N, C-alpha and C. Protein backbone atom coordinates (compact mmCIF):
# COMPACT_ATOMS: atom_id res chain seq x y z
N MET A 1 35.19 -2.79 -61.19
CA MET A 1 34.20 -3.40 -59.77
C MET A 1 33.67 -2.11 -59.41
N ASN A 2 33.50 -1.20 -59.34
CA ASN A 2 32.60 0.57 -58.87
C ASN A 2 31.87 0.34 -59.53
N PHE A 3 31.92 0.32 -60.71
CA PHE A 3 30.92 0.54 -62.31
C PHE A 3 30.10 -0.63 -62.23
N LEU A 4 30.83 -1.60 -61.96
CA LEU A 4 29.46 -2.68 -62.09
C LEU A 4 28.27 -2.17 -60.57
N LYS A 5 28.99 -2.04 -59.13
CA LYS A 5 28.25 -2.09 -58.06
C LYS A 5 26.80 -0.54 -59.01
N TYR A 6 27.98 0.12 -58.81
CA TYR A 6 27.10 1.29 -59.26
C TYR A 6 25.55 0.56 -60.32
N LEU A 7 25.75 0.01 -61.16
CA LEU A 7 24.79 -0.65 -62.07
C LEU A 7 23.79 -0.97 -61.43
N LEU A 8 24.11 -1.85 -60.16
CA LEU A 8 23.12 -2.91 -59.70
C LEU A 8 22.20 -2.18 -58.50
N LEU A 9 22.71 -1.29 -58.83
CA LEU A 9 21.84 -0.61 -57.95
C LEU A 9 20.33 -0.01 -58.47
N PRO A 10 20.14 0.38 -59.75
CA PRO A 10 18.54 0.99 -60.33
C PRO A 10 18.41 -0.44 -60.46
N PHE A 11 18.40 -1.11 -60.37
CA PHE A 11 18.05 -2.88 -60.54
C PHE A 11 17.47 -3.06 -58.89
N ILE A 12 18.29 -3.02 -58.20
CA ILE A 12 17.54 -3.51 -56.40
C ILE A 12 16.56 -1.88 -56.41
N LEU A 13 16.90 -0.89 -57.05
CA LEU A 13 15.42 -0.29 -56.86
C LEU A 13 14.24 -0.92 -56.84
N LEU A 14 14.33 -1.08 -58.72
CA LEU A 14 13.23 -1.73 -59.54
C LEU A 14 12.64 -2.88 -58.81
N VAL A 15 13.02 -3.52 -58.50
CA VAL A 15 12.47 -4.77 -57.74
C VAL A 15 11.87 -4.48 -56.33
N SER A 16 12.66 -3.68 -55.68
CA SER A 16 12.23 -2.71 -54.34
C SER A 16 10.70 -2.25 -54.63
N VAL A 17 9.97 -1.71 -55.85
CA VAL A 17 8.82 -1.12 -56.11
C VAL A 17 8.36 -1.99 -56.62
N GLN A 18 9.06 -3.76 -57.28
CA GLN A 18 7.78 -4.50 -57.47
C GLN A 18 7.45 -4.88 -56.22
N GLY A 19 8.14 -5.13 -55.29
CA GLY A 19 7.51 -5.98 -54.11
C GLY A 19 7.16 -5.02 -53.18
N PHE A 20 7.60 -3.76 -52.89
CA PHE A 20 6.52 -2.82 -52.53
C PHE A 20 4.94 -2.36 -53.04
N SER A 21 4.95 -2.65 -54.31
CA SER A 21 3.35 -2.75 -54.87
C SER A 21 2.68 -4.30 -54.56
N GLN A 22 3.30 -4.42 -54.53
CA GLN A 22 2.51 -5.78 -54.70
C GLN A 22 2.21 -6.45 -53.28
N LYS A 23 2.83 -5.46 -52.33
CA LYS A 23 2.73 -5.58 -50.69
C LYS A 23 1.18 -4.76 -49.95
N VAL A 24 1.00 -3.92 -51.41
CA VAL A 24 0.48 -2.55 -51.15
C VAL A 24 -0.70 -2.81 -51.62
N ALA A 25 -0.95 -3.75 -52.73
CA ALA A 25 -2.12 -4.87 -53.06
C ALA A 25 -2.47 -5.52 -52.42
N ALA A 26 -1.76 -5.87 -51.61
CA ALA A 26 -1.99 -7.51 -51.14
C ALA A 26 -3.07 -6.69 -49.68
N THR A 27 -2.97 -5.81 -49.20
CA THR A 27 -3.30 -4.82 -48.00
C THR A 27 -4.58 -3.97 -49.22
N THR A 28 -4.85 -4.03 -49.59
CA THR A 28 -6.36 -3.53 -50.09
C THR A 28 -7.11 -3.84 -49.63
N ASP A 29 -6.85 -5.00 -49.48
CA ASP A 29 -8.59 -5.92 -48.73
C ASP A 29 -8.47 -6.20 -47.49
N SER A 30 -7.67 -5.55 -46.50
CA SER A 30 -7.41 -5.43 -45.11
C SER A 30 -8.11 -4.60 -45.08
N LYS A 31 -8.65 -4.82 -43.41
CA LYS A 31 -9.93 -4.14 -42.66
C LYS A 31 -8.88 -2.57 -42.21
N HIS A 32 -7.62 -2.87 -42.58
CA HIS A 32 -6.70 -1.40 -42.24
C HIS A 32 -6.77 -0.94 -43.26
N THR A 33 -7.02 0.68 -42.50
CA THR A 33 -6.67 1.63 -44.07
C THR A 33 -5.32 2.25 -44.05
N PRO A 34 -4.30 2.32 -44.65
CA PRO A 34 -3.18 2.93 -45.09
C PRO A 34 -2.93 4.03 -43.96
N VAL A 35 -2.42 4.59 -43.40
CA VAL A 35 -2.26 6.21 -42.60
C VAL A 35 -1.32 7.38 -43.47
N VAL A 36 -2.40 7.96 -44.43
CA VAL A 36 -1.74 8.92 -45.22
C VAL A 36 -1.59 10.23 -44.65
N ARG A 37 -0.42 10.57 -44.67
CA ARG A 37 0.19 11.85 -43.44
C ARG A 37 0.35 12.75 -44.63
N PRO A 38 -1.02 14.30 -44.25
CA PRO A 38 -0.61 15.25 -45.27
C PRO A 38 0.84 16.07 -45.50
N LEU A 39 1.34 16.28 -43.94
CA LEU A 39 2.46 17.17 -44.22
C LEU A 39 3.43 16.78 -43.03
N THR A 40 4.97 15.99 -43.26
CA THR A 40 4.98 15.33 -42.34
C THR A 40 6.93 16.25 -42.37
N ILE A 41 7.45 16.44 -40.99
CA ILE A 41 8.48 16.70 -40.76
C ILE A 41 9.54 15.74 -40.44
N GLU A 42 10.95 15.32 -40.38
CA GLU A 42 11.23 14.15 -40.73
C GLU A 42 12.80 14.24 -40.35
N PRO A 43 13.72 15.13 -39.02
CA PRO A 43 15.02 14.72 -38.78
C PRO A 43 16.01 13.66 -38.69
N GLY A 44 17.22 13.32 -39.32
CA GLY A 44 17.71 11.98 -39.11
C GLY A 44 19.26 12.80 -39.03
N ILE A 45 19.62 11.43 -38.84
CA ILE A 45 21.36 11.53 -38.95
C ILE A 45 21.96 10.41 -39.90
N GLY A 46 22.57 10.38 -40.21
CA GLY A 46 23.21 9.44 -41.63
C GLY A 46 24.41 9.34 -41.69
N ILE A 47 24.53 8.58 -43.12
CA ILE A 47 26.87 8.43 -42.93
C ILE A 47 26.74 8.48 -44.83
N HIS A 48 28.06 9.16 -45.28
CA HIS A 48 28.01 8.56 -46.49
C HIS A 48 28.42 7.22 -46.53
N THR A 49 28.52 6.44 -47.93
CA THR A 49 29.16 4.72 -48.35
C THR A 49 30.30 4.87 -48.21
N ASN A 50 31.38 6.13 -48.43
CA ASN A 50 32.16 6.08 -48.60
C ASN A 50 33.47 5.70 -46.96
N PHE A 51 33.42 4.49 -46.70
CA PHE A 51 33.66 3.72 -45.30
C PHE A 51 33.03 4.55 -43.94
N GLY A 52 31.53 5.20 -43.96
CA GLY A 52 31.53 5.70 -43.23
C GLY A 52 32.18 6.84 -42.25
N VAL A 53 32.78 7.82 -43.09
CA VAL A 53 33.72 8.98 -42.14
C VAL A 53 32.63 10.37 -42.26
N ASP A 54 31.69 10.44 -42.86
CA ASP A 54 31.25 11.63 -43.04
C ASP A 54 29.85 11.82 -42.37
N LEU A 55 29.73 12.73 -41.41
CA LEU A 55 28.77 12.87 -40.46
C LEU A 55 27.38 13.78 -41.28
N LEU A 56 26.40 12.85 -41.02
CA LEU A 56 25.33 13.68 -42.25
C LEU A 56 23.89 13.85 -40.87
N LEU A 57 24.03 15.45 -40.73
CA LEU A 57 22.61 15.70 -40.18
C LEU A 57 21.80 16.38 -40.64
N THR A 58 20.27 15.19 -40.90
CA THR A 58 19.58 15.52 -41.91
C THR A 58 18.03 16.28 -41.42
N ASN A 59 16.84 16.70 -42.27
CA ASN A 59 15.82 16.81 -41.91
C ASN A 59 15.21 17.02 -43.61
N LEU A 60 13.77 16.16 -43.05
CA LEU A 60 13.00 15.79 -44.84
C LEU A 60 11.39 16.34 -44.84
N ILE A 61 11.40 17.50 -44.91
CA ILE A 61 10.08 17.89 -45.12
C ILE A 61 8.90 17.49 -46.31
N GLN A 62 8.16 16.83 -45.91
CA GLN A 62 7.45 15.86 -47.04
C GLN A 62 6.07 16.39 -46.73
N TRP A 63 5.60 16.96 -48.46
CA TRP A 63 3.69 17.09 -48.18
C TRP A 63 3.38 16.32 -49.22
N ASN A 64 1.90 15.99 -48.94
CA ASN A 64 1.36 15.22 -49.47
C ASN A 64 0.06 16.08 -49.84
N PRO A 65 -0.39 16.20 -50.82
CA PRO A 65 -1.08 16.83 -51.85
C PRO A 65 -2.35 15.77 -52.06
N ASP A 66 -2.14 14.74 -52.96
CA ASP A 66 -2.54 13.41 -52.82
C ASP A 66 -1.86 12.38 -52.74
N LYS A 67 -3.15 11.61 -52.39
CA LYS A 67 -2.54 10.73 -51.54
C LYS A 67 -1.34 9.98 -52.33
N HIS A 68 -1.52 9.84 -53.73
CA HIS A 68 -0.27 9.60 -54.03
C HIS A 68 1.15 10.05 -55.03
N LEU A 69 0.71 11.51 -54.45
CA LEU A 69 1.60 12.34 -55.17
C LEU A 69 2.56 13.41 -53.84
N SER A 70 3.57 13.19 -54.39
CA SER A 70 4.79 13.79 -52.76
C SER A 70 5.41 15.02 -53.33
N VAL A 71 5.52 15.82 -52.51
CA VAL A 71 6.37 16.87 -52.76
C VAL A 71 7.10 17.17 -51.43
N ALA A 72 8.64 17.31 -51.57
CA ALA A 72 10.06 17.25 -50.40
C ALA A 72 10.53 17.84 -50.66
N SER A 73 11.48 17.98 -49.35
CA SER A 73 12.57 19.10 -49.40
C SER A 73 13.07 18.54 -48.51
N HIS A 74 14.79 18.19 -48.98
CA HIS A 74 15.61 17.80 -48.19
C HIS A 74 16.97 18.67 -48.00
N SER A 75 16.89 19.41 -46.18
CA SER A 75 17.98 19.83 -46.44
C SER A 75 19.19 18.60 -45.60
N SER A 76 20.85 18.92 -46.00
CA SER A 76 21.66 18.17 -44.70
C SER A 76 22.91 19.35 -44.66
N PHE A 77 23.73 19.45 -43.73
CA PHE A 77 25.22 19.55 -43.06
C PHE A 77 26.07 18.24 -42.96
N ASN A 78 26.40 18.35 -43.36
CA ASN A 78 27.51 17.19 -44.04
C ASN A 78 28.95 17.59 -43.05
N ILE A 79 29.38 17.27 -42.15
CA ILE A 79 30.51 17.25 -41.42
C ILE A 79 31.77 15.95 -42.42
N ASN A 80 32.26 16.49 -43.09
CA ASN A 80 33.10 15.49 -44.08
C ASN A 80 34.68 15.32 -43.45
N ASN A 81 34.71 14.02 -43.40
CA ASN A 81 36.21 13.50 -42.63
C ASN A 81 36.04 13.92 -41.11
N ILE A 82 35.28 13.41 -40.05
CA ILE A 82 34.86 13.82 -39.16
C ILE A 82 36.23 13.10 -38.48
N THR A 83 36.78 12.02 -38.56
CA THR A 83 38.44 11.20 -37.63
C THR A 83 39.37 12.19 -38.52
N GLN A 84 39.55 12.53 -39.62
CA GLN A 84 40.50 13.22 -39.60
C GLN A 84 40.78 14.38 -39.33
N ARG A 85 42.21 14.92 -38.72
CA ARG A 85 42.56 16.21 -37.85
C ARG A 85 43.22 16.75 -38.44
N ASN A 86 44.60 15.71 -37.82
CA ASN A 86 46.37 16.19 -38.22
C ASN A 86 46.42 14.88 -38.73
N PHE A 87 47.17 15.15 -40.20
CA PHE A 87 48.37 13.88 -40.53
C PHE A 87 49.01 14.81 -41.04
N ASN A 88 50.71 13.81 -40.99
CA ASN A 88 51.29 14.23 -41.60
C ASN A 88 51.56 15.91 -41.24
N HIS A 89 51.54 16.13 -40.65
CA HIS A 89 52.30 18.03 -40.47
C HIS A 89 50.85 18.82 -40.86
N ILE A 90 49.39 18.19 -41.64
CA ILE A 90 48.66 19.08 -42.10
C ILE A 90 47.07 19.20 -41.44
N LYS A 91 46.94 19.97 -40.84
CA LYS A 91 45.97 20.38 -39.92
C LYS A 91 45.04 20.40 -40.76
N THR A 92 43.06 20.00 -40.76
CA THR A 92 41.93 19.88 -41.53
C THR A 92 41.46 21.11 -40.06
N ASN A 93 41.55 22.78 -41.01
CA ASN A 93 40.58 23.29 -39.92
C ASN A 93 38.95 23.25 -40.50
N TYR A 94 38.72 23.15 -41.10
CA TYR A 94 37.46 22.28 -41.11
C TYR A 94 36.97 22.10 -42.68
N ASN A 95 35.51 21.47 -42.78
CA ASN A 95 35.59 20.77 -43.84
C ASN A 95 34.17 19.80 -43.51
N TYR A 96 33.24 21.17 -44.75
CA TYR A 96 31.26 20.40 -44.06
C TYR A 96 30.55 20.91 -45.84
N SER A 97 30.04 19.70 -45.95
CA SER A 97 29.09 20.62 -46.46
C SER A 97 27.70 20.98 -46.77
N ILE A 98 27.33 21.85 -47.25
CA ILE A 98 25.17 21.88 -46.87
C ILE A 98 25.02 21.78 -48.24
N ASN A 99 23.47 21.12 -47.73
CA ASN A 99 22.53 20.17 -49.51
C ASN A 99 21.50 20.45 -49.11
N GLN A 100 21.17 21.27 -50.01
CA GLN A 100 19.45 21.76 -50.16
C GLN A 100 18.99 21.07 -51.67
N LYS A 101 18.20 20.21 -50.84
CA LYS A 101 16.94 19.57 -52.79
C LYS A 101 15.76 19.78 -52.82
N PHE A 102 15.42 20.12 -53.79
CA PHE A 102 13.46 19.32 -53.46
C PHE A 102 12.79 18.43 -54.66
N GLY A 103 12.43 18.18 -54.21
CA GLY A 103 11.66 16.64 -54.89
C GLY A 103 10.18 16.61 -55.57
N VAL A 104 10.22 15.68 -56.02
CA VAL A 104 8.72 15.20 -56.45
C VAL A 104 8.65 13.68 -56.44
N GLY A 105 7.72 13.25 -56.38
CA GLY A 105 6.93 11.51 -56.48
C GLY A 105 5.88 11.06 -55.93
N THR A 106 6.00 9.74 -55.67
CA THR A 106 4.93 9.17 -55.45
C THR A 106 4.91 8.48 -54.36
N SER A 107 4.20 7.24 -53.54
CA SER A 107 3.93 7.49 -52.61
C SER A 107 3.03 6.24 -52.17
N LEU A 108 3.66 5.03 -51.63
CA LEU A 108 3.04 3.52 -51.62
C LEU A 108 2.83 3.68 -50.33
N TYR A 109 1.77 2.55 -50.00
CA TYR A 109 1.10 2.90 -48.59
C TYR A 109 1.00 1.11 -48.22
N ALA A 110 1.74 0.47 -47.37
CA ALA A 110 1.28 -0.85 -46.66
C ALA A 110 0.57 -0.53 -45.09
N LYS A 111 0.56 -1.93 -44.86
CA LYS A 111 -0.29 -2.03 -43.32
C LYS A 111 0.31 -0.60 -42.47
N ARG A 112 1.84 -1.02 -42.04
CA ARG A 112 2.27 -0.01 -41.23
C ARG A 112 3.37 0.85 -41.22
N SER A 113 3.28 1.15 -43.37
CA SER A 113 4.45 1.76 -43.39
C SER A 113 4.39 2.56 -44.42
N THR A 114 5.24 3.74 -45.50
CA THR A 114 4.71 4.28 -46.42
C THR A 114 6.67 3.96 -46.95
N HIS A 115 6.27 3.78 -48.33
CA HIS A 115 7.25 4.41 -48.74
C HIS A 115 7.91 5.34 -49.96
N THR A 116 8.52 6.22 -49.94
CA THR A 116 8.05 7.29 -51.39
C THR A 116 9.18 7.16 -51.78
N PHE A 117 9.40 7.25 -52.60
CA PHE A 117 10.05 7.03 -54.02
C PHE A 117 10.29 9.05 -54.95
N LEU A 118 11.09 9.35 -54.41
CA LEU A 118 11.37 10.82 -55.21
C LEU A 118 12.49 11.31 -55.83
N LEU A 119 12.59 12.12 -57.22
CA LEU A 119 13.36 12.84 -57.97
C LEU A 119 13.45 14.21 -57.20
N MET A 120 14.99 13.96 -57.05
CA MET A 120 15.65 15.15 -55.90
C MET A 120 16.16 15.98 -57.14
N VAL A 121 16.38 17.71 -56.77
CA VAL A 121 16.97 18.70 -57.61
C VAL A 121 17.11 19.60 -56.51
N GLY A 122 18.78 19.73 -56.66
CA GLY A 122 19.28 21.07 -55.63
C GLY A 122 20.42 21.27 -55.85
N ALA A 123 20.95 21.77 -55.07
CA ALA A 123 22.34 22.29 -54.63
C ALA A 123 23.59 21.92 -53.42
N LYS A 124 24.87 21.69 -53.45
CA LYS A 124 25.51 21.51 -52.83
C LYS A 124 26.58 22.75 -52.24
N TYR A 125 27.32 22.73 -51.52
CA TYR A 125 27.83 24.42 -51.07
C TYR A 125 28.89 23.41 -49.95
N THR A 126 30.32 23.49 -50.34
CA THR A 126 31.25 23.01 -49.45
C THR A 126 32.31 23.61 -49.24
N SER A 127 32.55 23.68 -48.20
CA SER A 127 33.94 24.97 -47.50
C SER A 127 35.22 23.87 -47.00
N PHE A 128 36.26 24.23 -47.35
CA PHE A 128 36.95 23.12 -46.86
C PHE A 128 38.45 23.81 -46.80
N LYS A 129 39.27 23.85 -45.93
CA LYS A 129 40.32 24.50 -44.99
C LYS A 129 41.65 23.75 -44.59
N GLU A 130 42.73 23.06 -45.22
CA GLU A 130 43.93 22.49 -44.65
C GLU A 130 45.06 23.64 -44.28
N THR A 131 45.89 23.55 -43.19
CA THR A 131 46.80 23.94 -43.16
C THR A 131 48.21 23.28 -42.73
N LEU A 132 49.43 23.41 -43.71
CA LEU A 132 50.87 22.97 -43.11
C LEU A 132 51.39 23.15 -42.29
N ASP A 133 51.56 23.18 -40.94
CA ASP A 133 52.52 23.45 -39.78
C ASP A 133 53.32 22.55 -39.81
N SER A 134 54.30 23.04 -40.17
CA SER A 134 55.96 22.23 -39.74
C SER A 134 56.51 23.05 -39.09
N GLU A 135 57.81 22.57 -38.51
CA GLU A 135 58.92 23.31 -37.85
C GLU A 135 59.63 23.48 -39.89
N ASP A 136 59.59 22.58 -39.99
CA ASP A 136 60.52 22.38 -41.83
C ASP A 136 60.02 23.73 -42.47
N PHE A 137 58.93 23.82 -42.51
CA PHE A 137 58.43 24.40 -43.76
C PHE A 137 57.46 25.65 -43.38
N ASP A 138 57.54 27.03 -44.22
CA ASP A 138 56.72 28.43 -43.58
C ASP A 138 55.51 27.65 -43.24
N LYS A 139 54.74 28.46 -42.91
CA LYS A 139 53.21 27.55 -42.48
C LYS A 139 52.32 28.28 -43.45
N THR A 140 51.70 27.92 -44.19
CA THR A 140 50.88 28.00 -45.25
C THR A 140 49.70 27.03 -45.35
N GLY A 141 48.23 27.71 -46.33
CA GLY A 141 47.27 26.54 -46.42
C GLY A 141 46.66 26.98 -47.49
N ILE A 142 45.17 25.77 -47.50
CA ILE A 142 44.79 26.41 -48.24
C ILE A 142 43.21 26.15 -48.70
N ALA A 143 42.43 26.83 -48.98
CA ALA A 143 41.00 26.75 -48.58
C ALA A 143 40.24 26.87 -49.85
N ILE A 144 39.37 26.16 -50.01
CA ILE A 144 37.93 25.92 -50.75
C ILE A 144 36.69 26.33 -50.62
N ASP A 145 36.11 26.89 -51.60
CA ASP A 145 34.16 27.34 -51.46
C ASP A 145 34.03 26.95 -52.68
N ALA A 146 33.00 25.85 -53.23
CA ALA A 146 32.83 26.02 -53.96
C ALA A 146 31.04 25.41 -54.12
N LEU A 147 30.45 25.76 -55.40
CA LEU A 147 28.98 24.85 -55.41
C LEU A 147 28.41 24.31 -56.30
N SER A 148 28.07 23.36 -56.28
CA SER A 148 27.17 22.11 -57.19
C SER A 148 26.33 21.45 -57.04
N PRO A 149 25.87 21.17 -58.14
CA PRO A 149 24.68 20.68 -58.89
C PRO A 149 24.40 19.33 -57.87
N ASP A 150 23.30 19.12 -57.31
CA ASP A 150 22.98 17.34 -56.69
C ASP A 150 21.67 17.07 -56.76
N TYR A 151 21.84 16.47 -57.74
CA TYR A 151 20.28 15.59 -57.82
C TYR A 151 20.60 14.03 -57.90
N GLY A 152 18.98 13.41 -58.01
CA GLY A 152 19.71 12.13 -57.59
C GLY A 152 17.86 11.38 -57.28
N LEU A 153 18.19 10.33 -56.52
CA LEU A 153 16.74 9.25 -56.55
C LEU A 153 16.63 9.22 -54.96
N MET A 154 15.55 9.50 -54.61
CA MET A 154 16.17 9.20 -53.12
C MET A 154 14.97 7.87 -52.64
N TYR A 155 15.05 7.19 -51.38
CA TYR A 155 13.67 6.62 -51.14
C TYR A 155 13.47 6.54 -49.65
N SER A 156 12.49 7.14 -49.04
CA SER A 156 12.17 7.51 -47.89
C SER A 156 11.50 6.34 -47.25
N LEU A 157 11.05 5.44 -46.33
CA LEU A 157 10.26 4.43 -45.41
C LEU A 157 10.17 5.09 -43.89
N LYS A 158 8.57 5.02 -43.99
CA LYS A 158 8.02 6.01 -42.43
C LYS A 158 7.18 4.47 -42.29
N ARG A 159 7.59 4.31 -40.64
CA ARG A 159 7.23 2.67 -40.14
C ARG A 159 6.39 3.43 -39.23
N GLY A 160 5.45 2.96 -38.62
CA GLY A 160 4.07 3.55 -37.18
C GLY A 160 3.22 3.71 -37.51
N TRP A 161 1.86 3.65 -36.78
CA TRP A 161 0.97 4.02 -36.84
C TRP A 161 0.43 5.27 -37.10
N LYS A 162 1.30 5.99 -35.44
CA LYS A 162 0.37 7.67 -35.28
C LYS A 162 1.84 8.44 -36.00
N LYS A 163 1.20 9.56 -34.99
CA LYS A 163 1.79 10.58 -35.46
C LYS A 163 3.13 11.19 -35.46
N CYS A 164 3.48 10.29 -34.56
CA CYS A 164 5.72 10.02 -34.57
C CYS A 164 5.90 8.27 -35.25
N PHE A 165 7.16 8.67 -35.78
CA PHE A 165 7.13 7.47 -36.64
C PHE A 165 8.26 7.04 -36.71
N PHE A 166 9.42 6.22 -37.14
CA PHE A 166 10.55 6.11 -37.35
C PHE A 166 10.73 6.01 -38.98
N THR A 167 11.91 6.42 -39.64
CA THR A 167 12.36 6.80 -41.03
C THR A 167 13.78 6.81 -41.12
N PHE A 168 13.70 6.15 -42.39
CA PHE A 168 15.12 5.63 -43.14
C PHE A 168 14.58 6.23 -44.17
N ARG A 169 16.03 6.98 -44.77
CA ARG A 169 15.97 6.80 -46.12
C ARG A 169 17.65 6.80 -47.43
N PHE A 170 17.35 6.85 -48.60
CA PHE A 170 18.54 6.12 -48.78
C PHE A 170 18.40 7.07 -50.20
N TYR A 171 19.77 7.79 -50.76
CA TYR A 171 19.88 9.15 -51.50
C TYR A 171 20.88 8.31 -52.84
N LEU A 172 20.50 8.19 -54.01
CA LEU A 172 21.23 7.98 -54.87
C LEU A 172 21.74 8.78 -55.65
N PRO A 173 23.02 9.35 -56.23
CA PRO A 173 23.02 10.60 -56.87
C PRO A 173 23.19 10.25 -58.12
N LEU A 174 23.07 11.29 -58.85
CA LEU A 174 22.61 11.08 -60.36
C LEU A 174 24.29 11.98 -61.04
N TYR A 175 24.94 12.28 -60.02
CA TYR A 175 25.57 13.85 -60.36
C TYR A 175 27.19 13.31 -59.41
N PRO A 176 28.10 12.81 -60.79
CA PRO A 176 28.25 13.84 -62.11
C PRO A 176 28.45 12.55 -62.93
N TRP A 177 27.95 11.21 -62.40
CA TRP A 177 27.33 10.25 -63.40
C TRP A 177 26.19 10.02 -63.42
N PRO A 178 25.46 9.80 -64.63
CA PRO A 178 25.62 10.31 -65.78
C PRO A 178 24.92 11.53 -66.62
N ALA A 179 24.94 12.76 -65.32
CA ALA A 179 24.94 13.94 -65.69
C ALA A 179 26.16 14.59 -66.48
N LYS A 180 27.14 14.84 -65.75
CA LYS A 180 28.55 15.65 -66.30
C LYS A 180 28.95 14.70 -67.66
N GLY A 181 28.81 13.65 -67.41
CA GLY A 181 29.43 12.54 -68.69
C GLY A 181 28.94 11.17 -68.19
N PHE A 182 29.43 10.49 -69.45
CA PHE A 182 29.11 8.96 -68.89
C PHE A 182 30.54 8.44 -68.86
N ASP A 183 31.70 9.42 -68.42
CA ASP A 183 33.40 8.17 -68.14
C ASP A 183 33.34 7.66 -66.74
N PRO A 184 33.59 6.45 -66.56
CA PRO A 184 33.30 5.39 -65.63
C PRO A 184 33.87 6.17 -64.67
N LEU A 185 35.30 6.92 -64.51
CA LEU A 185 35.77 7.79 -63.49
C LEU A 185 35.03 8.77 -62.66
N TYR A 186 33.51 9.13 -63.44
CA TYR A 186 33.23 10.04 -62.69
C TYR A 186 31.99 8.95 -61.62
N LEU A 187 32.00 8.10 -62.12
CA LEU A 187 31.34 6.99 -60.84
C LEU A 187 31.76 7.25 -59.30
N ASP A 188 32.86 7.37 -58.67
CA ASP A 188 33.51 7.81 -57.75
C ASP A 188 33.14 8.70 -56.68
N GLY A 189 32.37 9.56 -58.02
CA GLY A 189 32.15 10.38 -56.85
C GLY A 189 30.66 10.50 -56.80
N ASN A 190 29.73 9.34 -57.14
CA ASN A 190 28.68 9.42 -57.27
C ASN A 190 28.59 7.81 -55.94
N MET A 191 29.73 7.13 -55.64
CA MET A 191 29.48 6.25 -54.32
C MET A 191 29.92 6.68 -53.34
N ASN A 192 30.79 7.59 -53.42
CA ASN A 192 31.05 8.72 -52.35
C ASN A 192 30.12 9.15 -51.75
N ASN A 193 28.75 9.88 -52.06
CA ASN A 193 27.68 10.31 -51.91
C ASN A 193 26.53 10.09 -52.08
N ILE A 194 26.60 8.72 -52.02
CA ILE A 194 25.31 7.68 -51.81
C ILE A 194 25.33 7.55 -50.13
N SER A 195 24.16 8.26 -49.75
CA SER A 195 23.73 8.09 -48.19
C SER A 195 22.52 7.79 -47.55
N LEU A 196 22.93 7.18 -46.37
CA LEU A 196 22.03 6.23 -46.00
C LEU A 196 21.85 7.55 -44.39
N GLU A 197 20.22 7.22 -44.17
CA GLU A 197 19.84 8.24 -43.25
C GLU A 197 18.66 7.42 -41.68
N LEU A 198 18.68 7.44 -41.12
CA LEU A 198 18.20 6.88 -39.69
C LEU A 198 17.62 8.09 -39.26
N GLY A 199 16.19 8.47 -39.00
CA GLY A 199 15.29 8.99 -38.05
C GLY A 199 14.00 9.20 -37.21
N ILE A 200 13.47 10.05 -37.06
CA ILE A 200 12.33 9.91 -36.80
C ILE A 200 11.60 11.34 -37.47
N GLY A 201 10.10 10.91 -37.05
CA GLY A 201 9.06 12.02 -38.37
C GLY A 201 7.96 11.93 -37.14
N PHE A 202 7.50 13.30 -37.16
CA PHE A 202 5.92 13.79 -36.82
C PHE A 202 5.12 14.48 -37.95
N GLN A 203 4.21 14.43 -37.64
CA GLN A 203 3.08 14.79 -38.23
C GLN A 203 2.86 15.81 -37.95
N ILE A 204 2.42 16.88 -39.23
CA ILE A 204 2.10 18.34 -38.52
C ILE A 204 0.75 18.63 -38.32
N LYS A 205 0.58 18.05 -39.78
CA LYS A 205 -1.46 18.25 -40.43
C LYS A 205 -1.81 16.48 -40.08
């Protein structure tokens, strides 16, 4: 079932691109000129789609050297499993990830919004520690620090006319499937790292 859901996501994105491009074409005859923002900073908050147990503090910096060329930097600090602290004598001391990605893509413009599609490449650092704290056992713990690649497709929506606007972002990871391999078991890792973000943006230049 997860495999089928994952295969449907690229199809949905392609349909969205077609719809947005039609909307852009329709607005070219309008008396309104689309707003092109050369440089923006867009802080936000988000969740992963693994039942919403993670909290993401994110920021996107986007530079448009040309109307349809976009270059971006996306940073996030992820608090993993924010509701799970103590369970069955196991204490979660900390569990977080730091993501940094850079990307390039294109932007399409509508009457009051901008739709940006980016290919992102970067890395994720994860730090995790749990402790067994029970009177029946000796106190012990485990700690993991890991660095892994992080790349995928990002869609960014900007909504508003002026220098301050609302933003929405959707990130579809391409790791570990299919970059690491085509085993369907890898899809659980992808599904757990799909992210949805909401925020505000500011035009810097």
